[in-house]
Amino acid sequence: MHSKLLLISYNFYPNSIAGSLRFSHLSKYLENKGFDISVLTINKNKIVTKDPNLIHGGKIYRTGIYPSLPLKYDKLLIRKYRRFLFKFLPIDSQVGWVIPALFKAISLVKKKKFDKIIVTGPPFSSFLIAYFCSVLFNVDLIVDYRDPWFIWDNYSSFFRAKIKLRKVNFFIERKILKHAWKIVFNTKRTLQSYLKQFPDIENKSFVISNAFNEKKIITEKKINSEKIIILYAGIFYGERKLNYLYKPLKRIFEEKIIDRNKLEIHVFGKVPKDDWELLKDYSLSDIVTEHNRVEYEKILSFMKGADILYLAQGYDHRHCVPYKIIDYLSVKKPILALTPSKSATHELMEQVDCGEAPEISSENEIYTALVKLINKKKYTFNGVEKYTWTNITNEYASILKN
C-alpha cells in the first residue's frame, strides 16, 4: 500500500463540468496504483450538472457551503447576490466552503493520519483549507493548479482592485506557495508566468497536463453523414465565441470551395444572442443548429462523429489548455483551435499533429485553416500519447513517491 492521500477538490464527481474531470479521474487512477485515497468535496445538492458515469475513486466526504451559492443564477436578484459575494469576499465567491470543509478536513486528518494533502483550484478558497491542515498537522502539501490564481485575479472585474482584494489574494497565495512541498501546473506557460512572480518555487514546481483515457472505446455517432460537421460543445463566454468563423465561412461559400448546403455547425450549448444576430447579418443562421447539452459519454460520441472540432480561446485564457482540447484528442478528429500564437493551446497544437491553430485575430489565417480542414487534410495525431492517463498518472505517482 502506498501513502495515504487527502484530495481536496471543490469540483468532483458527479459534477460533470470541466473543472471536475482532472481529479475525478486522477483519484481513480492513483487508487489503481495502490494509493489510499480520500476526497473532500461539496454536497451533491450544490452540483448543477451531474454525470453518474464519471470515473472516480477513493472514499468521498462532503460538506456544505455558507453563505450558499444559488444553483441557478438567471434571475436578476440571484445574479446580484453572486456579484455581491464576488465583490466583498476575499479569494472567490466559494470562500463560504472554507469553514465547514476545514472542520471536516481536520477531523479526517486526525483520524486517518494522511501522508500528503493534494488541493486543486479554482476555486482557490480550497487552498486555504489544505494550507491550514498542512500547517496544523505537519503534512506535506501538493498544490495543483488547473488555472492560474494571480493571473485570473488580474483579469477579474475592476471593483476588486478598489477594495484591494487582489493584494490580499496575492499575499495569501505567496504564503501557500512558500509552504507547499510540491506545486503542479498543467501548462508550461503558466509555470513560466509564476516563476516571474515567485522565482523561489522553481525547484519544487512541475508541469503535468490534463489527460484522456486511451483505453476507452468511444462509439461514433454521426449527426449527418452527408455533410461536413463542425461541432462545439460547452459554454461561450469572454473571448470564447463562434463569430470568428462567420467572415471566413462566408468567403468560402462565395468562392465555391464548398457548397453551403454541404456544411453545418452544431453547438451543444447556448449560442449567445449577439452571435445569433451576426449570423443573420451574414445570412448564415441556416447552417447553425443549437442543441441541449448532453451527458459526457454522449458528447464524446458526437465529437467522434464530427469532421471538425471547434474551439476559440482568447487572450484572457492564453495560459491554459481547455479540457475540451483533451476531449478532442481522445476522439482523434481534426481540431480547429483559434488561439493567440503565444498560448499554451498553440504550443500543444504544435506538439501534436491534430489540426490547425490559426491566430484568433487573423481572419485570413482562420480562412486558410478552414479550407485545409474542409478539404479533409490528414493528421497523424503523433504526440497524443503524452496526454493519456497512463502517462499522466505515472508522472503524478513519481512526484508523490519522491
Protein backbone atom coordinates (compact mmCIF):
# COMPACT_ATOMS: atom_id res chain seq x y z
CA MET A 1 0.00 0.00 0.00
CA HIS A 2 1.31 3.43 -0.95
CA SER A 3 0.86 6.56 1.13
CA LYS A 4 -2.48 7.92 2.30
CA LEU A 5 -3.66 10.94 0.32
CA LEU A 6 -6.34 13.52 1.07
CA LEU A 7 -7.56 15.18 -2.13
CA ILE A 8 -9.37 18.49 -1.61
CA SER A 9 -11.38 19.48 -4.68
CA TYR A 10 -14.47 21.70 -4.69
CA ASN A 11 -15.45 20.25 -8.07
CA PHE A 12 -15.62 16.46 -8.07
CA TYR A 13 -17.79 13.50 -9.10
CA PRO A 14 -20.65 13.54 -10.06
CA ASN A 15 -20.08 17.14 -11.15
CA SER A 16 -19.67 16.99 -14.94
CA ILE A 17 -18.11 20.42 -15.52
CA ALA A 18 -14.56 20.54 -16.90
CA GLY A 19 -13.11 21.58 -13.54
CA SER A 20 -14.24 18.28 -12.03
CA LEU A 21 -12.65 15.94 -14.57
CA ARG A 22 -8.95 16.15 -13.63
CA PHE A 23 -9.29 14.95 -10.06
CA SER A 24 -12.32 12.75 -10.54
CA HIS A 25 -10.24 10.71 -12.97
CA LEU A 26 -6.93 11.06 -11.15
CA SER A 27 -8.43 9.76 -7.89
CA LYS A 28 -9.33 6.50 -9.64
CA TYR A 29 -6.03 6.04 -11.47
CA LEU A 30 -3.93 6.75 -8.37
CA GLU A 31 -6.15 4.36 -6.40
CA ASN A 32 -5.43 1.70 -9.03
CA LYS A 33 -1.73 2.25 -8.37
CA GLY A 34 -2.22 1.43 -4.70
CA PHE A 35 -2.62 4.87 -3.13
CA ASP A 36 -5.15 5.12 -0.30
CA ILE A 37 -7.38 7.98 -1.47
CA SER A 38 -9.84 10.14 0.49
CA VAL A 39 -11.63 13.04 -1.20
CA LEU A 40 -13.14 16.15 0.40
CA THR A 41 -15.68 17.98 -1.75
CA ILE A 42 -19.07 19.76 -1.66
CA ASN A 43 -22.51 18.26 -1.10
CA LYS A 44 -24.25 16.78 -4.12
CA ASN A 45 -27.18 19.20 -3.78
CA LYS A 46 -24.78 22.02 -4.74
CA ILE A 47 -23.94 20.42 -8.08
CA VAL A 48 -25.88 21.70 -11.11
CA THR A 49 -24.86 19.30 -13.90
CA LYS A 50 -24.26 15.68 -12.90
CA ASP A 51 -22.83 12.66 -14.67
CA PRO A 52 -23.28 9.44 -12.67
CA ASN A 53 -20.94 7.60 -15.08
CA LEU A 54 -17.95 9.86 -14.43
CA ILE A 55 -14.81 7.90 -13.48
CA HIS A 56 -13.82 8.48 -9.87
CA GLY A 57 -12.12 6.76 -6.95
CA GLY A 58 -11.45 6.99 -3.24
CA LYS A 59 -13.67 7.45 -0.21
CA ILE A 60 -15.68 10.66 -0.67
CA TYR A 61 -16.54 13.09 2.15
CA ARG A 62 -18.88 16.02 1.52
CA THR A 63 -19.71 19.31 3.26
CA GLY A 64 -21.96 22.33 2.77
CA ILE A 65 -21.06 25.90 1.82
CA TYR A 66 -22.11 29.01 3.79
CA PRO A 67 -23.06 31.54 2.54
CA SER A 68 -24.61 29.26 -0.02
CA LEU A 69 -24.36 29.91 -3.74
CA PRO A 70 -27.65 29.64 -5.67
CA LEU A 71 -27.59 26.79 -8.18
CA LYS A 72 -29.28 28.85 -10.87
CA TYR A 73 -28.47 32.49 -11.47
CA ASP A 74 -30.60 33.55 -14.41
CA LYS A 75 -32.78 35.72 -12.19
CA LEU A 76 -31.75 39.31 -11.53
CA LEU A 77 -31.65 39.09 -7.71
CA ILE A 78 -29.57 35.90 -7.77
CA ARG A 79 -27.10 37.45 -10.22
CA LYS A 80 -26.77 40.49 -7.95
CA TYR A 81 -26.22 38.24 -4.93
CA ARG A 82 -23.44 36.30 -6.66
CA ARG A 83 -21.83 39.57 -7.74
CA PHE A 84 -22.02 40.84 -4.16
CA LEU A 85 -20.22 37.73 -2.90
CA PHE A 86 -17.54 38.10 -5.56
CA LYS A 87 -17.08 41.79 -4.75
CA PHE A 88 -16.76 41.61 -0.98
CA LEU A 89 -15.41 38.14 -0.20
CA PRO A 90 -11.66 37.55 -0.47
CA ILE A 91 -10.30 34.89 -2.86
CA ASP A 92 -13.58 33.92 -4.57
CA SER A 93 -17.32 33.57 -4.08
CA GLN A 94 -16.91 29.95 -2.91
CA VAL A 95 -14.96 31.03 0.18
CA GLY A 96 -18.04 30.06 2.24
CA TRP A 97 -16.87 26.47 1.81
CA VAL A 98 -13.71 27.08 3.86
CA ILE A 99 -15.12 26.87 7.40
CA PRO A 100 -17.32 23.72 7.09
CA ALA A 101 -14.71 21.99 4.92
CA LEU A 102 -11.88 22.92 7.29
CA PHE A 103 -13.66 21.31 10.26
CA LYS A 104 -14.24 18.18 8.20
CA ALA A 105 -10.64 18.13 6.93
CA ILE A 106 -9.23 18.47 10.45
CA SER A 107 -11.38 15.56 11.61
CA LEU A 108 -10.21 13.42 8.67
CA VAL A 109 -6.52 14.21 9.15
CA LYS A 110 -6.72 13.39 12.86
CA LYS A 111 -8.44 10.09 12.15
CA LYS A 112 -6.60 8.88 9.05
CA LYS A 113 -3.10 10.30 9.54
CA PHE A 114 -2.59 11.28 5.90
CA ASP A 115 0.92 11.37 4.48
CA LYS A 116 0.11 14.06 1.94
CA ILE A 117 -2.62 16.55 1.07
CA ILE A 118 -3.33 17.49 -2.54
CA VAL A 119 -5.51 20.50 -3.30
CA THR A 120 -6.67 21.75 -6.69
CA GLY A 121 -8.15 25.04 -7.82
CA PRO A 122 -10.06 27.00 -8.87
CA PRO A 123 -11.89 27.81 -6.73
CA PHE A 124 -8.80 28.91 -4.85
CA SER A 125 -10.56 29.12 -1.49
CA SER A 126 -9.85 25.36 -1.34
CA PHE A 127 -6.17 26.23 -0.96
CA LEU A 128 -6.85 27.76 2.46
CA ILE A 129 -8.35 24.51 3.76
CA ALA A 130 -5.37 22.47 2.64
CA TYR A 131 -2.87 25.05 3.87
CA PHE A 132 -4.28 25.21 7.41
CA CYS A 133 -4.43 21.40 7.69
CA SER A 134 -0.90 21.05 6.35
CA VAL A 135 0.47 23.57 8.85
CA LEU A 136 -1.52 22.25 11.83
CA PHE A 137 -0.58 18.60 11.33
CA ASN A 138 2.76 18.95 9.53
CA VAL A 139 1.55 17.09 6.42
CA ASP A 140 3.20 17.59 3.02
CA LEU A 141 1.09 19.83 0.77
CA ILE A 142 0.85 19.50 -3.01
CA VAL A 143 -0.82 22.46 -4.73
CA ASP A 144 -2.34 21.65 -8.14
CA TYR A 145 -3.35 24.49 -10.50
CA ARG A 146 -5.97 23.85 -13.15
CA ASP A 147 -5.99 27.60 -13.84
CA PRO A 148 -3.59 30.27 -12.55
CA TRP A 149 -4.72 32.26 -9.48
CA PHE A 150 -2.85 35.58 -9.61
CA ILE A 151 -3.29 35.83 -13.40
CA TRP A 152 -7.01 35.10 -13.06
CA ASP A 153 -7.32 37.77 -10.37
CA ASN A 154 -5.72 40.33 -12.67
CA TYR A 155 -8.42 39.61 -15.25
CA SER A 156 -11.25 39.86 -12.72
CA SER A 157 -13.56 42.84 -12.52
CA PHE A 158 -12.18 46.27 -11.70
CA PHE A 159 -14.14 46.69 -8.46
CA ARG A 160 -11.95 44.09 -6.71
CA ALA A 161 -8.96 46.38 -7.17
CA LYS A 162 -10.82 49.21 -5.42
CA ILE A 163 -11.06 47.28 -2.16
CA LYS A 164 -7.56 45.82 -2.63
CA LEU A 165 -8.69 42.20 -2.75
CA ARG A 166 -6.09 41.46 -5.40
CA LYS A 167 -3.31 42.39 -2.98
CA VAL A 168 -4.92 40.27 -0.26
CA ASN A 169 -5.16 37.30 -2.61
CA PHE A 170 -1.58 37.74 -3.79
CA PHE A 171 -0.34 37.74 -0.18
CA ILE A 172 -2.33 34.57 0.64
CA GLU A 173 -1.13 32.79 -2.49
CA ARG A 174 2.51 33.68 -1.77
CA LYS A 175 2.24 32.23 1.76
CA ILE A 176 0.71 28.99 0.49
CA LEU A 177 3.27 28.53 -2.28
CA LYS A 178 6.15 29.19 0.09
CA HIS A 179 4.83 26.47 2.42
CA ALA A 180 3.93 23.91 -0.29
CA TRP A 181 6.06 20.77 -0.67
CA LYS A 182 5.34 20.43 -4.41
CA ILE A 183 3.48 22.63 -6.91
CA VAL A 184 1.88 21.24 -10.07
CA PHE A 185 0.85 23.31 -13.09
CA ASN A 186 -0.94 21.88 -16.11
CA THR A 187 0.84 24.02 -18.72
CA LYS A 188 4.42 25.16 -19.15
CA ARG A 189 3.26 28.69 -19.93
CA THR A 190 1.51 29.01 -16.57
CA LEU A 191 4.64 27.81 -14.77
CA GLN A 192 6.77 30.35 -16.63
CA SER A 193 4.40 33.15 -15.61
CA TYR A 194 4.52 32.04 -11.98
CA LEU A 195 8.31 31.92 -11.91
CA LYS A 196 8.40 35.60 -12.85
CA GLN A 197 6.34 36.41 -9.74
CA PHE A 198 7.58 33.63 -7.43
CA PRO A 199 11.11 32.67 -8.57
CA ASP A 200 11.81 30.77 -5.35
CA ILE A 201 9.32 27.98 -6.25
CA GLU A 202 11.23 26.72 -9.30
CA ASN A 203 12.87 23.68 -7.65
CA LYS A 204 9.57 22.30 -6.36
CA SER A 205 7.40 23.01 -9.41
CA PHE A 206 6.29 20.53 -12.09
CA VAL A 207 4.12 20.52 -15.21
CA ILE A 208 1.56 17.71 -15.51
CA SER A 209 -1.09 18.23 -18.18
CA ASN A 210 -4.68 17.07 -18.25
CA ALA A 211 -5.31 13.69 -19.85
CA PHE A 212 -7.78 11.34 -21.52
CA ASN A 213 -8.43 7.62 -21.13
CA GLU A 214 -6.67 5.99 -24.08
CA LYS A 215 -8.26 2.61 -23.30
CA LYS A 216 -11.80 3.93 -23.52
CA ILE A 217 -13.81 2.75 -26.53
CA ILE A 218 -15.88 5.64 -27.91
CA THR A 219 -18.75 4.82 -30.25
CA GLU A 220 -19.01 7.15 -33.23
CA LYS A 221 -22.34 8.93 -33.65
CA LYS A 222 -22.91 10.89 -36.86
CA ILE A 223 -25.19 13.93 -36.88
CA ASN A 224 -25.34 13.99 -40.68
CA SER A 225 -23.01 11.76 -42.67
CA GLU A 226 -23.70 13.64 -45.91
CA LYS A 227 -22.32 16.96 -44.66
CA ILE A 228 -19.16 18.45 -43.17
CA ILE A 229 -19.98 18.85 -39.47
CA ILE A 230 -18.26 21.47 -37.32
CA LEU A 231 -19.02 20.75 -33.66
CA TYR A 232 -18.65 22.70 -30.44
CA ALA A 233 -19.84 21.58 -27.01
CA GLY A 234 -19.85 23.88 -23.99
CA ILE A 235 -20.33 27.45 -22.90
CA PHE A 236 -19.43 30.57 -24.88
CA TYR A 237 -18.04 33.29 -22.61
CA GLY A 238 -15.46 36.08 -22.66
CA GLU A 239 -13.46 35.79 -25.87
CA ARG A 240 -14.71 32.26 -26.49
CA LYS A 241 -17.18 32.93 -29.32
CA LEU A 242 -18.50 31.44 -32.54
CA ASN A 243 -18.46 34.61 -34.62
CA TYR A 244 -14.77 34.31 -35.62
CA LEU A 245 -15.95 31.80 -38.24
CA TYR A 246 -18.57 33.95 -39.94
CA LYS A 247 -16.48 36.04 -42.37
CA PRO A 248 -14.14 33.17 -43.35
CA LEU A 249 -17.10 30.85 -43.96
CA LYS A 250 -18.97 33.42 -46.00
CA ARG A 251 -15.85 33.86 -48.14
CA ILE A 252 -15.51 30.07 -48.53
CA PHE A 253 -19.12 29.80 -49.73
CA GLU A 254 -18.74 32.75 -52.12
CA GLU A 255 -15.59 31.21 -53.62
CA LYS A 256 -17.42 27.89 -54.08
CA ILE A 257 -14.84 25.93 -52.10
CA ILE A 258 -17.78 24.02 -50.67
CA ASP A 259 -21.49 24.33 -51.26
CA ARG A 260 -23.17 25.95 -48.25
CA ASN A 261 -25.68 23.09 -48.20
CA LYS A 262 -22.80 20.68 -47.52
CA LEU A 263 -21.66 22.19 -44.22
CA GLU A 264 -23.32 22.57 -40.81
CA ILE A 265 -22.26 23.88 -37.40
CA HIS A 266 -23.70 22.11 -34.35
CA VAL A 267 -23.44 23.67 -30.91
CA PHE A 268 -24.23 21.62 -27.81
CA GLY A 269 -24.96 24.58 -25.58
CA LYS A 270 -26.20 28.14 -25.95
CA VAL A 271 -25.16 30.39 -28.81
CA PRO A 272 -25.03 33.97 -27.42
CA LYS A 273 -27.69 36.36 -28.61
CA ASP A 274 -25.20 38.72 -30.29
CA ASP A 275 -23.72 35.77 -32.19
CA TRP A 276 -27.18 34.86 -33.48
CA GLU A 277 -27.69 38.46 -34.62
CA LEU A 278 -24.42 38.38 -36.53
CA LEU A 279 -25.38 35.05 -38.10
CA LYS A 280 -28.48 36.71 -39.50
CA ASP A 281 -26.43 39.67 -40.77
CA TYR A 282 -24.13 37.28 -42.65
CA SER A 283 -27.08 35.13 -43.81
CA LEU A 284 -25.57 32.08 -42.10
CA SER A 285 -28.17 31.27 -39.45
CA ASP A 286 -29.44 28.32 -41.50
CA ILE A 287 -26.15 26.41 -41.10
CA VAL A 288 -26.06 26.60 -37.28
CA THR A 289 -28.06 24.27 -35.04
CA GLU A 290 -28.26 24.66 -31.27
CA HIS A 291 -28.69 21.53 -29.09
CA ASN A 292 -29.27 20.98 -25.40
CA ARG A 293 -26.17 19.90 -23.52
CA VAL A 294 -25.90 16.12 -23.17
CA GLU A 295 -24.05 13.70 -20.89
CA TYR A 296 -20.29 13.44 -21.19
CA GLU A 297 -20.35 10.00 -22.80
CA LYS A 298 -22.84 11.10 -25.45
CA ILE A 299 -20.97 14.24 -26.40
CA LEU A 300 -17.78 12.21 -26.90
CA SER A 301 -19.69 10.05 -29.39
CA PHE A 302 -20.90 13.15 -31.26
CA MET A 303 -17.33 14.51 -31.26
CA LYS A 304 -16.06 11.28 -32.77
CA GLY A 305 -18.73 11.52 -35.47
CA ALA A 306 -17.90 15.14 -36.37
CA ASP A 307 -15.48 16.29 -39.08
CA ILE A 308 -14.08 19.41 -37.37
CA LEU A 309 -13.96 20.13 -33.64
CA TYR A 310 -14.05 23.85 -32.86
CA LEU A 311 -12.55 25.90 -30.06
CA ALA A 312 -11.95 29.64 -29.69
CA GLN A 313 -9.59 30.60 -26.89
CA GLY A 314 -8.86 34.29 -26.43
CA TYR A 315 -6.04 36.25 -24.86
CA ASP A 316 -7.80 36.13 -21.47
CA HIS A 317 -7.06 32.38 -21.19
CA ARG A 318 -3.82 32.03 -23.13
CA HIS A 319 -2.03 30.41 -20.18
CA CYS A 320 -4.43 27.45 -20.11
CA VAL A 321 -5.24 24.42 -22.23
CA PRO A 322 -9.03 23.91 -22.02
CA TYR A 323 -10.09 20.40 -21.07
CA LYS A 324 -12.14 20.46 -24.25
CA ILE A 325 -8.91 20.10 -26.25
CA ILE A 326 -8.06 16.96 -24.28
CA ASP A 327 -11.51 15.53 -25.06
CA TYR A 328 -10.94 16.38 -28.72
CA LEU A 329 -7.63 14.49 -28.67
CA SER A 330 -9.36 11.44 -27.22
CA VAL A 331 -11.60 11.03 -30.28
CA LYS A 332 -8.80 11.86 -32.74
CA LYS A 333 -10.81 14.10 -35.02
CA PRO A 334 -9.30 17.24 -36.63
CA ILE A 335 -9.28 20.29 -34.36
CA LEU A 336 -9.73 23.94 -35.31
CA ALA A 337 -8.28 25.86 -32.35
CA LEU A 338 -8.50 29.63 -32.70
CA THR A 339 -5.93 30.92 -30.22
CA PRO A 340 -3.20 33.54 -29.76
CA SER A 341 0.09 32.44 -31.33
CA LYS A 342 1.77 32.66 -27.91
CA SER A 343 -0.56 30.49 -25.88
CA ALA A 344 -0.48 27.12 -24.14
CA THR A 345 -3.04 25.75 -26.60
CA HIS A 346 -0.94 26.83 -29.59
CA GLU A 347 2.07 25.06 -28.07
CA LEU A 348 0.04 21.86 -27.68
CA MET A 349 -1.17 22.07 -31.28
CA GLU A 350 2.45 22.38 -32.43
CA GLN A 351 3.47 19.30 -30.41
CA VAL A 352 0.61 17.08 -31.60
CA ASP A 353 -0.30 16.76 -35.28
CA CYS A 354 -4.03 17.07 -34.66
CA GLY A 355 -5.36 20.03 -36.62
CA GLU A 356 -4.96 23.74 -37.25
CA ALA A 357 -4.30 26.59 -34.80
CA PRO A 358 -4.74 29.92 -36.60
CA GLU A 359 -4.21 33.22 -34.81
CA ILE A 360 -7.58 34.13 -33.32
CA SER A 361 -7.35 37.74 -34.51
CA SER A 362 -6.45 36.84 -38.12
CA GLU A 363 -9.38 36.35 -40.48
CA ASN A 364 -7.03 35.18 -43.24
CA GLU A 365 -5.39 32.53 -41.06
CA ILE A 366 -8.79 31.23 -39.96
CA TYR A 367 -9.91 31.11 -43.60
CA THR A 368 -6.79 29.16 -44.64
CA ALA A 369 -7.18 26.71 -41.74
CA LEU A 370 -10.85 26.13 -42.56
CA VAL A 371 -10.03 25.41 -46.21
CA LYS A 372 -7.49 22.76 -45.16
CA LEU A 373 -9.95 21.13 -42.78
CA ILE A 374 -12.87 21.23 -45.21
CA ASN A 375 -10.68 19.61 -47.83
CA LYS A 376 -10.04 16.86 -45.25
CA LYS A 377 -6.33 17.25 -44.73
CA LYS A 378 -4.97 14.18 -42.90
CA TYR A 379 -3.46 14.39 -39.40
CA THR A 380 -1.35 11.69 -37.77
CA PHE A 381 -2.03 12.59 -34.10
CA ASN A 382 1.61 11.82 -33.37
CA GLY A 383 2.43 13.06 -29.86
CA VAL A 384 -1.00 12.39 -28.44
CA GLU A 385 0.38 9.70 -26.11
CA LYS A 386 1.75 12.46 -23.85
CA TYR A 387 -1.84 13.29 -22.88
CA THR A 388 -3.01 9.82 -21.84
CA TRP A 389 -3.96 8.92 -18.27
CA THR A 390 -1.35 6.17 -18.20
CA ASN A 391 1.41 8.70 -18.80
CA ILE A 392 -0.03 11.40 -16.53
CA THR A 393 -0.71 9.03 -13.62
CA ASN A 394 2.85 7.73 -13.79
CA GLU A 395 4.15 11.30 -13.62
CA TYR A 396 1.92 12.13 -10.65
CA ALA A 397 2.82 8.94 -8.80
CA SER A 398 6.50 9.67 -9.34
CA ILE A 399 6.14 13.07 -7.68
CA LEU A 400 4.18 11.63 -4.75
CA LYS A 401 6.77 8.90 -4.11
CA ASN A 402 9.74 11.27 -4.27
